[in-house]
N, C-alpha and C. Protein backbone atom coordinates (compact mmCIF):
# COMPACT_ATOMS: atom_id res chain seq x y z
N MET A 1 -3.09 -102.90 -83.77
CA MET A 1 -2.61 -102.42 -82.49
C MET A 1 -1.46 -101.46 -82.74
N SER A 2 -1.46 -100.31 -82.08
CA SER A 2 -0.38 -99.34 -82.26
C SER A 2 0.81 -99.73 -81.38
N ALA A 3 1.96 -99.17 -81.67
CA ALA A 3 3.17 -99.51 -80.92
C ALA A 3 3.05 -99.15 -79.44
N PRO A 4 2.53 -97.97 -79.04
CA PRO A 4 2.40 -97.69 -77.60
C PRO A 4 1.49 -98.68 -76.89
N THR A 5 0.40 -99.09 -77.55
CA THR A 5 -0.50 -100.08 -76.95
C THR A 5 0.22 -101.42 -76.83
N GLY A 6 0.92 -101.82 -77.87
CA GLY A 6 1.68 -103.07 -77.83
C GLY A 6 2.73 -103.07 -76.74
N ILE A 7 3.42 -101.94 -76.58
CA ILE A 7 4.44 -101.84 -75.53
C ILE A 7 3.79 -101.98 -74.17
N ALA A 8 2.64 -101.36 -73.96
CA ALA A 8 1.95 -101.46 -72.67
C ALA A 8 1.55 -102.90 -72.39
N ILE A 9 1.04 -103.59 -73.39
CA ILE A 9 0.63 -104.99 -73.20
C ILE A 9 1.84 -105.87 -72.91
N PHE A 10 2.88 -105.77 -73.74
CA PHE A 10 4.05 -106.62 -73.57
C PHE A 10 4.81 -106.34 -72.28
N SER A 11 4.81 -105.10 -71.82
CA SER A 11 5.52 -104.80 -70.57
C SER A 11 4.87 -105.49 -69.38
N ASN A 12 3.61 -105.87 -69.51
CA ASN A 12 2.92 -106.58 -68.42
C ASN A 12 2.99 -108.09 -68.54
N ILE A 13 3.21 -108.63 -69.73
CA ILE A 13 3.23 -110.09 -69.88
C ILE A 13 4.63 -110.65 -70.14
N ALA A 14 5.57 -109.80 -70.53
CA ALA A 14 6.92 -110.28 -70.84
C ALA A 14 7.67 -110.63 -69.57
N GLN A 15 8.51 -111.66 -69.67
CA GLN A 15 9.35 -112.04 -68.53
C GLN A 15 10.57 -111.14 -68.42
N LYS A 16 11.04 -110.62 -69.55
CA LYS A 16 12.23 -109.79 -69.55
C LYS A 16 12.17 -108.82 -70.72
N ILE A 17 12.45 -107.54 -70.47
CA ILE A 17 12.50 -106.53 -71.52
C ILE A 17 13.92 -105.99 -71.55
N VAL A 18 14.55 -105.98 -72.72
CA VAL A 18 15.92 -105.51 -72.85
C VAL A 18 16.03 -104.52 -74.00
N ASN A 19 17.02 -103.63 -73.92
CA ASN A 19 17.24 -102.66 -75.00
C ASN A 19 18.05 -103.27 -76.14
N ALA A 20 19.02 -104.10 -75.80
CA ALA A 20 19.88 -104.73 -76.80
C ALA A 20 19.41 -106.15 -77.06
N TYR A 21 19.69 -106.66 -78.22
CA TYR A 21 19.32 -108.02 -78.57
C TYR A 21 20.23 -108.98 -77.81
N PRO A 22 19.69 -109.74 -76.85
CA PRO A 22 20.54 -110.61 -76.03
C PRO A 22 20.91 -111.90 -76.76
N PRO A 23 21.94 -112.60 -76.30
CA PRO A 23 22.28 -113.89 -76.91
C PRO A 23 21.16 -114.89 -76.62
N MET A 24 20.50 -115.35 -77.64
CA MET A 24 19.41 -116.31 -77.48
C MET A 24 19.14 -117.00 -78.80
N THR A 25 18.32 -118.04 -78.72
CA THR A 25 17.85 -118.72 -79.92
C THR A 25 16.45 -118.18 -80.21
N PRO A 26 16.28 -117.38 -81.27
CA PRO A 26 14.97 -116.81 -81.56
C PRO A 26 13.98 -117.88 -82.00
N LEU A 27 12.75 -117.76 -81.49
CA LEU A 27 11.68 -118.68 -81.87
C LEU A 27 10.65 -118.00 -82.77
N LYS A 28 10.25 -116.78 -82.38
CA LYS A 28 9.27 -116.01 -83.14
C LYS A 28 9.67 -114.54 -83.11
N THR A 29 9.29 -113.81 -84.13
CA THR A 29 9.56 -112.38 -84.16
C THR A 29 8.37 -111.65 -84.78
N GLY A 30 8.18 -110.42 -84.37
CA GLY A 30 7.11 -109.61 -84.93
C GLY A 30 7.41 -108.14 -84.72
N TYR A 31 6.81 -107.29 -85.53
CA TYR A 31 7.01 -105.86 -85.38
C TYR A 31 5.74 -105.14 -85.79
N GLY A 32 5.62 -103.90 -85.31
CA GLY A 32 4.48 -103.08 -85.65
C GLY A 32 4.86 -101.62 -85.56
N MET A 33 4.07 -100.78 -86.20
CA MET A 33 4.37 -99.36 -86.22
C MET A 33 3.09 -98.58 -85.92
N GLY A 34 3.22 -97.61 -85.03
CA GLY A 34 2.09 -96.75 -84.71
C GLY A 34 2.10 -95.51 -85.59
N PRO A 35 1.00 -94.76 -85.59
CA PRO A 35 0.89 -93.60 -86.48
C PRO A 35 1.63 -92.36 -85.98
N ARG A 36 1.98 -92.31 -84.70
CA ARG A 36 2.59 -91.11 -84.14
C ARG A 36 4.11 -91.10 -84.33
N ILE A 37 4.64 -89.91 -84.49
CA ILE A 37 6.09 -89.70 -84.50
C ILE A 37 6.40 -88.78 -83.34
N VAL A 38 7.20 -89.28 -82.38
CA VAL A 38 7.52 -88.53 -81.18
C VAL A 38 8.99 -88.13 -81.24
N GLN A 39 9.26 -86.85 -81.15
CA GLN A 39 10.62 -86.29 -81.17
C GLN A 39 11.41 -86.80 -82.38
N GLY A 40 10.77 -86.83 -83.53
CA GLY A 40 11.45 -87.23 -84.76
C GLY A 40 11.64 -88.71 -84.93
N ARG A 41 11.13 -89.53 -84.00
CA ARG A 41 11.29 -90.97 -84.10
C ARG A 41 9.93 -91.62 -84.33
N PRO A 42 9.86 -92.58 -85.25
CA PRO A 42 8.59 -93.28 -85.45
C PRO A 42 8.30 -94.20 -84.26
N SER A 43 7.06 -94.49 -84.05
CA SER A 43 6.60 -95.35 -82.98
C SER A 43 6.66 -96.80 -83.47
N VAL A 44 7.75 -97.49 -83.13
CA VAL A 44 7.99 -98.84 -83.64
C VAL A 44 8.17 -99.80 -82.48
N LEU A 45 7.58 -100.97 -82.61
CA LEU A 45 7.73 -102.04 -81.62
C LEU A 45 8.26 -103.26 -82.32
N TRP A 46 9.33 -103.85 -81.77
CA TRP A 46 9.91 -105.08 -82.32
C TRP A 46 9.95 -106.08 -81.18
N VAL A 47 9.35 -107.23 -81.37
CA VAL A 47 9.26 -108.26 -80.33
C VAL A 47 9.89 -109.53 -80.85
N VAL A 48 10.77 -110.12 -80.02
CA VAL A 48 11.39 -111.39 -80.35
C VAL A 48 11.18 -112.32 -79.17
N GLU A 49 10.62 -113.49 -79.44
CA GLU A 49 10.49 -114.52 -78.41
C GLU A 49 11.60 -115.52 -78.64
N GLY A 50 12.26 -115.92 -77.56
CA GLY A 50 13.35 -116.87 -77.72
C GLY A 50 13.71 -117.57 -76.44
N THR A 51 14.63 -118.48 -76.55
CA THR A 51 15.15 -119.20 -75.38
C THR A 51 16.58 -118.79 -75.16
N ASN A 52 17.03 -118.90 -73.91
CA ASN A 52 18.40 -118.52 -73.58
C ASN A 52 19.38 -119.35 -74.39
N PHE A 53 20.45 -118.69 -74.80
CA PHE A 53 21.52 -119.37 -75.51
C PHE A 53 22.38 -120.07 -74.46
N ASP A 54 22.36 -121.40 -74.45
CA ASP A 54 22.95 -122.18 -73.37
C ASP A 54 24.46 -122.05 -73.23
N ALA A 55 25.15 -121.58 -74.26
CA ALA A 55 26.61 -121.50 -74.19
C ALA A 55 27.07 -120.41 -73.22
N ILE A 56 26.21 -119.43 -72.95
CA ILE A 56 26.61 -118.33 -72.07
C ILE A 56 26.30 -118.70 -70.63
N GLN A 57 27.32 -118.69 -69.81
CA GLN A 57 27.16 -119.06 -68.42
C GLN A 57 27.10 -117.84 -67.50
N ASP A 58 27.84 -116.80 -67.82
CA ASP A 58 27.99 -115.69 -66.90
C ASP A 58 28.38 -114.43 -67.66
N ARG A 59 28.52 -113.34 -66.94
CA ARG A 59 28.94 -112.07 -67.54
C ARG A 59 30.09 -111.50 -66.71
N ILE A 60 30.97 -110.78 -67.39
CA ILE A 60 32.04 -110.05 -66.70
C ILE A 60 32.00 -108.61 -67.18
N VAL A 61 32.67 -107.76 -66.45
CA VAL A 61 32.83 -106.37 -66.85
C VAL A 61 34.31 -106.11 -66.99
N MET A 62 34.70 -105.46 -68.10
CA MET A 62 36.09 -105.06 -68.28
C MET A 62 36.16 -103.55 -68.31
N LEU A 63 37.06 -103.00 -67.51
CA LEU A 63 37.31 -101.56 -67.48
C LEU A 63 38.62 -101.30 -68.20
N GLU A 64 38.65 -100.27 -69.04
CA GLU A 64 39.86 -99.91 -69.78
C GLU A 64 39.98 -98.40 -69.82
N THR A 65 41.22 -97.94 -69.78
CA THR A 65 41.48 -96.51 -69.98
C THR A 65 42.86 -96.34 -70.56
N ASN A 66 43.09 -95.24 -71.25
CA ASN A 66 44.42 -94.92 -71.78
C ASN A 66 45.12 -93.99 -70.81
N LEU A 67 46.32 -94.36 -70.39
CA LEU A 67 47.14 -93.51 -69.53
C LEU A 67 48.31 -93.00 -70.36
N ASP A 68 48.43 -91.71 -70.46
CA ASP A 68 49.41 -91.07 -71.32
C ASP A 68 50.79 -91.06 -70.66
N ASN A 69 51.64 -92.02 -71.04
CA ASN A 69 53.03 -92.11 -70.61
C ASN A 69 53.22 -91.99 -69.10
N PRO A 70 52.57 -92.85 -68.30
CA PRO A 70 52.74 -92.79 -66.85
C PRO A 70 54.05 -93.45 -66.41
N PRO A 71 54.58 -93.07 -65.26
CA PRO A 71 55.77 -93.77 -64.73
C PRO A 71 55.44 -95.22 -64.41
N GLY A 72 56.41 -96.09 -64.54
CA GLY A 72 56.21 -97.52 -64.26
C GLY A 72 55.77 -97.78 -62.84
N GLU A 73 56.24 -96.97 -61.89
CA GLU A 73 55.85 -97.14 -60.50
C GLU A 73 54.36 -96.93 -60.31
N THR A 74 53.81 -95.96 -61.06
CA THR A 74 52.38 -95.67 -60.97
C THR A 74 51.57 -96.86 -61.46
N ILE A 75 51.97 -97.43 -62.58
CA ILE A 75 51.26 -98.59 -63.13
C ILE A 75 51.30 -99.75 -62.14
N GLY A 76 52.47 -100.06 -61.62
CA GLY A 76 52.60 -101.16 -60.66
C GLY A 76 51.75 -100.94 -59.42
N TYR A 77 51.74 -99.71 -58.90
CA TYR A 77 50.96 -99.37 -57.72
C TYR A 77 49.46 -99.55 -57.99
N VAL A 78 48.99 -99.05 -59.13
CA VAL A 78 47.57 -99.13 -59.47
C VAL A 78 47.14 -100.59 -59.67
N VAL A 79 47.97 -101.38 -60.36
CA VAL A 79 47.65 -102.79 -60.57
C VAL A 79 47.52 -103.50 -59.23
N GLU A 80 48.44 -103.24 -58.32
CA GLU A 80 48.40 -103.86 -56.99
C GLU A 80 47.14 -103.45 -56.22
N LYS A 81 46.81 -102.17 -56.24
CA LYS A 81 45.62 -101.68 -55.53
C LYS A 81 44.34 -102.28 -56.11
N LEU A 82 44.26 -102.41 -57.43
CA LEU A 82 43.08 -102.98 -58.06
C LEU A 82 42.91 -104.45 -57.70
N ARG A 83 44.00 -105.19 -57.66
CA ARG A 83 43.92 -106.61 -57.28
C ARG A 83 43.50 -106.74 -55.81
N GLU A 84 44.04 -105.88 -54.96
CA GLU A 84 43.66 -105.91 -53.54
C GLU A 84 42.18 -105.56 -53.36
N ALA A 85 41.65 -104.71 -54.24
CA ALA A 85 40.25 -104.27 -54.14
C ALA A 85 39.27 -105.29 -54.71
N GLY A 86 39.76 -106.40 -55.27
CA GLY A 86 38.86 -107.45 -55.71
C GLY A 86 38.77 -107.70 -57.20
N ALA A 87 39.64 -107.10 -58.00
CA ALA A 87 39.61 -107.37 -59.44
C ALA A 87 39.94 -108.83 -59.70
N VAL A 88 39.23 -109.45 -60.61
CA VAL A 88 39.49 -110.84 -60.96
C VAL A 88 40.85 -110.95 -61.65
N ASP A 89 41.14 -110.01 -62.56
CA ASP A 89 42.43 -109.98 -63.23
C ASP A 89 42.71 -108.55 -63.68
N VAL A 90 43.99 -108.21 -63.72
CA VAL A 90 44.42 -106.89 -64.20
C VAL A 90 45.64 -107.13 -65.08
N TYR A 91 45.62 -106.56 -66.27
CA TYR A 91 46.80 -106.61 -67.14
C TYR A 91 46.92 -105.29 -67.87
N VAL A 92 48.12 -105.00 -68.35
CA VAL A 92 48.40 -103.72 -68.98
C VAL A 92 48.99 -103.97 -70.36
N THR A 93 48.45 -103.25 -71.37
CA THR A 93 49.01 -103.31 -72.71
C THR A 93 49.53 -101.93 -73.09
N THR A 94 50.39 -101.90 -74.09
CA THR A 94 50.97 -100.65 -74.55
C THR A 94 50.26 -100.21 -75.82
N GLY A 95 50.07 -98.91 -75.94
CA GLY A 95 49.41 -98.38 -77.13
C GLY A 95 49.99 -97.03 -77.50
N CYS A 96 49.42 -96.45 -78.51
CA CYS A 96 49.84 -95.15 -78.98
C CYS A 96 48.82 -94.12 -78.52
N GLY A 97 49.24 -93.13 -77.76
CA GLY A 97 48.34 -92.13 -77.21
C GLY A 97 48.34 -90.85 -78.00
N LYS A 98 47.97 -89.76 -77.31
CA LYS A 98 47.92 -88.45 -77.95
C LYS A 98 49.30 -88.06 -78.48
N LYS A 99 49.31 -87.40 -79.61
CA LYS A 99 50.54 -86.91 -80.23
C LYS A 99 51.58 -88.02 -80.41
N ASN A 100 51.08 -89.24 -80.65
CA ASN A 100 51.93 -90.41 -80.87
C ASN A 100 52.85 -90.74 -79.70
N ARG A 101 52.45 -90.34 -78.51
CA ARG A 101 53.24 -90.69 -77.32
C ARG A 101 52.84 -92.08 -76.84
N LEU A 102 53.75 -92.70 -76.12
CA LEU A 102 53.50 -94.02 -75.54
C LEU A 102 52.36 -93.93 -74.52
N ALA A 103 51.43 -94.87 -74.57
CA ALA A 103 50.33 -94.92 -73.61
C ALA A 103 50.26 -96.32 -73.02
N GLN A 104 49.88 -96.41 -71.77
CA GLN A 104 49.65 -97.68 -71.10
C GLN A 104 48.13 -97.84 -70.95
N ILE A 105 47.63 -99.03 -71.24
CA ILE A 105 46.20 -99.29 -71.18
C ILE A 105 45.94 -100.40 -70.16
N PRO A 106 45.53 -100.03 -68.94
CA PRO A 106 45.18 -101.08 -67.97
C PRO A 106 43.81 -101.68 -68.32
N HIS A 107 43.71 -103.00 -68.24
CA HIS A 107 42.47 -103.73 -68.46
C HIS A 107 42.13 -104.42 -67.14
N ILE A 108 40.97 -104.11 -66.59
CA ILE A 108 40.55 -104.67 -65.31
C ILE A 108 39.34 -105.55 -65.55
N ILE A 109 39.45 -106.83 -65.21
CA ILE A 109 38.33 -107.76 -65.35
C ILE A 109 37.72 -107.96 -63.97
N THR A 110 36.40 -107.82 -63.90
CA THR A 110 35.69 -107.95 -62.63
C THR A 110 34.28 -108.47 -62.88
N ASP A 111 33.58 -108.77 -61.81
CA ASP A 111 32.19 -109.18 -61.99
C ASP A 111 31.30 -107.93 -62.02
N PRO A 112 30.08 -108.06 -62.50
CA PRO A 112 29.22 -106.87 -62.67
C PRO A 112 28.88 -106.13 -61.38
N PHE A 113 29.02 -106.78 -60.24
CA PHE A 113 28.65 -106.15 -58.98
C PHE A 113 29.78 -105.33 -58.36
N ASP A 114 31.04 -105.69 -58.65
CA ASP A 114 32.19 -105.02 -58.03
C ASP A 114 32.76 -103.88 -58.85
N TYR A 115 32.33 -103.72 -60.08
CA TYR A 115 33.00 -102.76 -60.94
C TYR A 115 32.87 -101.30 -60.50
N PRO A 116 31.78 -100.83 -59.84
CA PRO A 116 31.74 -99.41 -59.47
C PRO A 116 32.87 -98.99 -58.53
N GLY A 117 33.21 -99.84 -57.56
CA GLY A 117 34.31 -99.52 -56.65
C GLY A 117 35.65 -99.50 -57.36
N LEU A 118 35.86 -100.45 -58.26
CA LEU A 118 37.11 -100.50 -59.02
C LEU A 118 37.21 -99.34 -59.99
N LEU A 119 36.09 -98.95 -60.56
CA LEU A 119 36.05 -97.79 -61.45
C LEU A 119 36.47 -96.53 -60.70
N LYS A 120 35.92 -96.34 -59.53
CA LYS A 120 36.27 -95.18 -58.70
C LYS A 120 37.76 -95.20 -58.33
N LEU A 121 38.26 -96.35 -57.92
CA LEU A 121 39.67 -96.48 -57.56
C LEU A 121 40.57 -96.17 -58.76
N LEU A 122 40.23 -96.70 -59.93
CA LEU A 122 41.03 -96.46 -61.13
C LEU A 122 41.08 -94.96 -61.46
N MET A 123 39.94 -94.29 -61.37
CA MET A 123 39.90 -92.87 -61.70
C MET A 123 40.65 -92.03 -60.66
N GLU A 124 40.52 -92.38 -59.38
CA GLU A 124 41.21 -91.62 -58.33
C GLU A 124 42.72 -91.79 -58.39
N GLU A 125 43.17 -93.02 -58.62
CA GLU A 125 44.61 -93.30 -58.56
C GLU A 125 45.36 -92.89 -59.83
N THR A 126 44.67 -92.84 -60.97
CA THR A 126 45.37 -92.51 -62.21
C THR A 126 45.07 -91.09 -62.70
N GLY A 127 43.97 -90.51 -62.24
CA GLY A 127 43.58 -89.19 -62.70
C GLY A 127 42.97 -89.19 -64.09
N THR A 128 42.62 -90.37 -64.60
CA THR A 128 42.02 -90.44 -65.93
C THR A 128 40.66 -89.76 -65.94
N LEU A 129 40.30 -89.23 -67.09
CA LEU A 129 39.03 -88.52 -67.22
C LEU A 129 37.92 -89.41 -67.77
N GLY A 130 38.27 -90.59 -68.28
CA GLY A 130 37.26 -91.46 -68.86
C GLY A 130 37.70 -92.90 -68.83
N VAL A 131 36.74 -93.79 -68.65
CA VAL A 131 37.00 -95.22 -68.60
C VAL A 131 35.98 -95.93 -69.49
N ARG A 132 36.45 -96.84 -70.31
CA ARG A 132 35.55 -97.67 -71.10
C ARG A 132 35.04 -98.81 -70.23
N ILE A 133 33.74 -99.03 -70.23
CA ILE A 133 33.12 -100.10 -69.45
C ILE A 133 32.49 -101.07 -70.44
N LEU A 134 33.02 -102.29 -70.49
CA LEU A 134 32.56 -103.29 -71.44
C LEU A 134 31.87 -104.42 -70.70
N ASP A 135 30.61 -104.70 -71.01
CA ASP A 135 29.86 -105.81 -70.44
C ASP A 135 30.01 -106.98 -71.40
N ILE A 136 30.65 -108.07 -70.93
CA ILE A 136 31.05 -109.15 -71.84
C ILE A 136 30.46 -110.47 -71.36
N PRO A 137 29.79 -111.23 -72.26
CA PRO A 137 29.33 -112.56 -71.88
C PRO A 137 30.52 -113.52 -71.84
N VAL A 138 30.49 -114.45 -70.89
CA VAL A 138 31.55 -115.46 -70.76
C VAL A 138 31.04 -116.75 -71.35
N TRP A 139 31.78 -117.34 -72.27
CA TRP A 139 31.37 -118.56 -72.95
C TRP A 139 31.86 -119.77 -72.24
């Protein structure tokens, strides 16, 4: 069976298809390779059957960004607004930013459903150009 055929079959019988290897207890594994190479990539299928890893109960999302030497009032205002908007927790650490200047790094913990609104608020209130979004399992 070629990889495209295997993918078509498994996409119809599998209960869940994921890109990343999820936390689980593997039971069986198998792989196959098709003859075609598409856009420089070989046609490979890797299948793992497993059961959920019982230690994981839930998932959270953490948002982080580096703020280059902001005034303390700005940090306090943003932390307050994020908590009012539904963040589970907000804390700030200090780091080294561009040109070895002091940077403040706000960390916002939220559930996976509320993070888009908090992401937008963080970007609007701080003017940051990028935010790290971390999907984290809770043990």
